[in-house]
């Protein structure tokens, strides 16, 4: 970012702020898998069933689903049934054949697609009705802006989970 003649940084756009916040939390999440093996990424060393590779996979998939929601609405989210719940739970696991390298490459591609979408959207006010689900208020609509806040929050939350898992594995900490 350049500075003005007075030496102050210009005000960034709302889109830049969203993308910067998202990239910061993505960086924390990426850092949790820095220098670990695929076997370590699949470990579940806490009471929960969470693992580093699964968190990375889950966050990437959720970002894809929410950005698709911005464009295509609730139909892009799929049905909320027993099969969908099982598939959702699987997003938190590192499956045979998953590698940290491949998960990071996919996450980078997702990040690039999100940045393109955010920069090219005509307006962050575009809104879609939320899918019917017990955790959403009936009849609620989310704007692209609200979806981006959700993606940032989910990324930050799971980066924190990953930080705890990484510290449990080898003592390394990414956020403090």
Protein backbone atom coordinates (compact mmCIF):
# COMPACT_ATOMS: atom_id res chain seq x y z
CA UNK A 1 0.00 0.00 0.00
CA UNK A 2 1.34 3.44 -0.87
CA UNK A 3 1.22 6.46 1.37
CA UNK A 4 -0.32 9.85 0.72
CA UNK A 5 1.68 13.08 0.41
CA UNK A 6 1.11 13.61 4.16
CA UNK A 7 2.83 10.28 4.87
CA UNK A 8 -0.35 8.54 6.00
CA UNK A 9 -1.63 5.30 4.53
CA UNK A 10 -4.81 5.73 2.52
CA UNK A 11 -8.01 4.19 3.81
CA UNK A 12 -8.33 0.64 2.54
CA UNK A 13 -11.50 -0.58 0.96
CA UNK A 14 -13.92 -2.80 2.82
CA UNK A 15 -13.07 -5.61 0.41
CA UNK A 16 -9.36 -5.19 1.13
CA UNK A 17 -10.10 -5.32 4.86
CA UNK A 18 -12.11 -8.54 4.50
CA UNK A 19 -9.42 -10.19 2.37
CA UNK A 20 -6.62 -9.02 4.68
CA UNK A 21 -8.37 -10.38 7.79
CA UNK A 22 -9.09 -13.66 6.05
CA UNK A 23 -5.50 -14.00 4.86
CA UNK A 24 -4.19 -13.31 8.37
CA UNK A 25 -6.26 -16.13 9.87
CA UNK A 26 -5.47 -18.45 6.95
CA UNK A 27 -1.82 -17.78 7.72
CA UNK A 28 -2.28 -18.87 11.33
CA UNK A 29 -3.99 -22.06 10.13
CA UNK A 30 -1.29 -22.78 7.54
CA UNK A 31 1.41 -22.22 10.15
CA UNK A 32 -0.01 -25.03 12.30
CA UNK A 33 1.00 -27.58 9.66
CA UNK A 34 4.41 -26.08 8.93
CA UNK A 35 7.07 -28.75 9.30
CA UNK A 36 4.83 -31.63 10.27
CA UNK A 37 4.39 -34.97 8.54
CA UNK A 38 1.20 -36.34 7.04
CA UNK A 39 1.07 -38.80 9.93
CA UNK A 40 1.26 -35.97 12.47
CA UNK A 41 -1.42 -34.03 10.55
CA UNK A 42 -3.77 -37.01 11.01
CA UNK A 43 -3.19 -37.32 14.77
CA UNK A 44 -6.08 -36.60 17.15
CA UNK A 45 -4.11 -35.85 20.34
CA UNK A 46 -6.88 -34.09 22.26
CA UNK A 47 -10.19 -35.36 23.61
CA UNK A 48 -11.90 -34.23 20.40
CA UNK A 49 -11.65 -36.05 17.07
CA UNK A 50 -10.05 -33.01 15.41
CA UNK A 51 -6.78 -33.25 13.53
CA UNK A 52 -4.70 -30.64 11.73
CA UNK A 53 -5.23 -32.07 8.25
CA UNK A 54 -8.96 -32.41 8.83
CA UNK A 55 -9.26 -28.83 10.03
CA UNK A 56 -7.41 -27.59 6.96
CA UNK A 57 -9.68 -29.67 4.72
CA UNK A 58 -12.83 -28.57 6.55
CA UNK A 59 -12.02 -24.85 6.44
CA UNK A 60 -11.27 -25.02 2.70
CA UNK A 61 -14.50 -26.88 1.97
CA UNK A 62 -16.60 -24.52 4.08
CA UNK A 63 -15.06 -21.52 2.33
CA UNK A 64 -15.95 -23.06 -1.04
CA UNK A 65 -19.52 -23.75 0.07
CA UNK A 66 -20.08 -20.28 1.49
CA UNK A 67 -18.62 -18.52 -1.54
CA UNK A 68 -20.82 -20.68 -3.78
CA UNK A 69 -23.75 -19.61 -1.57
CA UNK A 70 -22.96 -15.95 -2.29
CA UNK A 71 -23.36 -16.63 -6.01
CA UNK A 72 -25.94 -19.42 -6.22
CA UNK A 73 -27.93 -19.24 -2.99
CA UNK A 74 -29.07 -21.96 -0.61
CA UNK A 75 -29.29 -24.69 -3.26
CA UNK A 76 -25.50 -24.71 -3.40
CA UNK A 77 -25.35 -25.85 0.22
CA UNK A 78 -27.09 -29.16 -0.39
CA UNK A 79 -29.71 -30.93 1.68
CA UNK A 80 -29.50 -31.11 5.45
CA UNK A 81 -30.09 -34.81 6.05
CA UNK A 82 -28.30 -37.71 7.75
CA UNK A 83 -26.07 -38.27 4.73
CA UNK A 84 -25.12 -34.59 4.69
CA UNK A 85 -24.29 -34.67 8.41
CA UNK A 86 -22.05 -37.71 7.89
CA UNK A 87 -20.31 -36.03 4.95
CA UNK A 88 -19.83 -32.90 7.06
CA UNK A 89 -18.23 -34.92 9.86
CA UNK A 90 -15.87 -36.50 7.33
CA UNK A 91 -14.56 -33.05 6.38
CA UNK A 92 -12.82 -32.96 9.75
CA UNK A 93 -10.82 -36.15 9.08
CA UNK A 94 -7.64 -36.68 7.19
CA UNK A 95 -8.48 -39.63 4.97
CA UNK A 96 -6.03 -42.15 3.47
CA UNK A 97 -4.35 -40.46 0.53
CA UNK A 98 -4.72 -36.95 1.96
CA UNK A 99 -1.41 -35.12 2.27
CA UNK A 100 -0.50 -31.83 3.86
CA UNK A 101 1.00 -30.67 0.57
CA UNK A 102 -2.19 -31.43 -1.37
CA UNK A 103 -4.44 -29.91 1.31
CA UNK A 104 -2.39 -26.70 1.32
CA UNK A 105 -2.41 -26.52 -2.49
CA UNK A 106 -6.19 -26.91 -2.48
CA UNK A 107 -6.52 -24.27 0.24
CA UNK A 108 -4.39 -21.87 -1.82
CA UNK A 109 -6.65 -22.44 -4.84
CA UNK A 110 -9.73 -21.80 -2.67
CA UNK A 111 -8.15 -18.59 -1.32
CA UNK A 112 -7.44 -17.38 -4.86
CA UNK A 113 -11.00 -18.12 -5.97
CA UNK A 114 -12.42 -16.29 -2.94
CA UNK A 115 -10.24 -13.26 -3.60
CA UNK A 116 -11.38 -13.16 -7.23
CA UNK A 117 -15.03 -13.42 -6.18
CA UNK A 118 -14.72 -10.69 -3.53
CA UNK A 119 -12.96 -8.33 -5.95
CA UNK A 120 -15.41 -8.99 -8.82
CA UNK A 121 -18.74 -8.97 -6.96
CA UNK A 122 -20.77 -5.97 -8.11
CA UNK A 123 -21.83 -5.35 -4.49
CA UNK A 124 -21.27 -6.87 -1.06
CA UNK A 125 -24.95 -6.16 -0.42
CA UNK A 126 -26.10 -9.02 -2.66
CA UNK A 127 -28.06 -11.37 -0.39
CA UNK A 128 -29.40 -14.90 -0.45
CA UNK A 129 -31.88 -16.69 1.81
CA UNK A 130 -30.18 -19.09 4.20
CA UNK A 131 -30.91 -22.78 3.72
CA UNK A 132 -33.40 -24.37 6.06
CA UNK A 133 -31.46 -25.76 9.00
CA UNK A 134 -32.04 -25.87 12.76
CA UNK A 135 -29.14 -23.47 13.39
CA UNK A 136 -30.39 -20.73 11.04
CA UNK A 137 -33.20 -18.32 11.82
CA UNK A 138 -36.16 -19.18 9.56
CA UNK A 139 -36.47 -16.75 6.67
CA UNK A 140 -33.10 -15.07 7.31
CA UNK A 141 -30.99 -13.74 4.46
CA UNK A 142 -27.24 -13.16 4.48
CA UNK A 143 -25.47 -10.60 2.35
CA UNK A 144 -22.10 -11.36 0.78
CA UNK A 145 -20.67 -9.10 3.47
CA UNK A 146 -22.24 -11.24 6.24
CA UNK A 147 -20.99 -14.43 4.60
CA UNK A 148 -17.44 -13.02 4.50
CA UNK A 149 -17.65 -12.19 8.21
CA UNK A 150 -18.76 -15.80 8.81
CA UNK A 151 -15.88 -17.23 6.73
CA UNK A 152 -13.37 -15.08 8.64
CA UNK A 153 -14.85 -16.12 12.01
CA UNK A 154 -14.87 -19.81 11.10
CA UNK A 155 -11.30 -19.65 9.82
CA UNK A 156 -10.13 -17.88 12.99
CA UNK A 157 -11.98 -20.33 15.25
CA UNK A 158 -10.51 -23.37 13.54
CA UNK A 159 -7.03 -21.80 13.43
CA UNK A 160 -7.30 -21.63 17.22
CA UNK A 161 -8.33 -25.27 17.40
CA UNK A 162 -5.39 -26.16 15.16
CA UNK A 163 -3.00 -24.17 17.35
CA UNK A 164 -4.02 -26.23 20.38
CA UNK A 165 -3.65 -29.48 18.46
CA UNK A 166 -0.22 -28.50 17.14
CA UNK A 167 0.96 -27.54 20.62
CA UNK A 168 -0.27 -30.92 21.89
CA UNK A 169 1.66 -32.75 19.17
CA UNK A 170 5.09 -31.16 19.57
CA UNK A 171 4.86 -28.04 21.73
CA UNK A 172 4.97 -25.63 18.77
CA UNK A 173 2.60 -22.67 19.01
CA UNK A 174 1.48 -20.46 16.19
CA UNK A 175 -0.44 -17.75 17.98
CA UNK A 176 1.37 -16.93 21.15
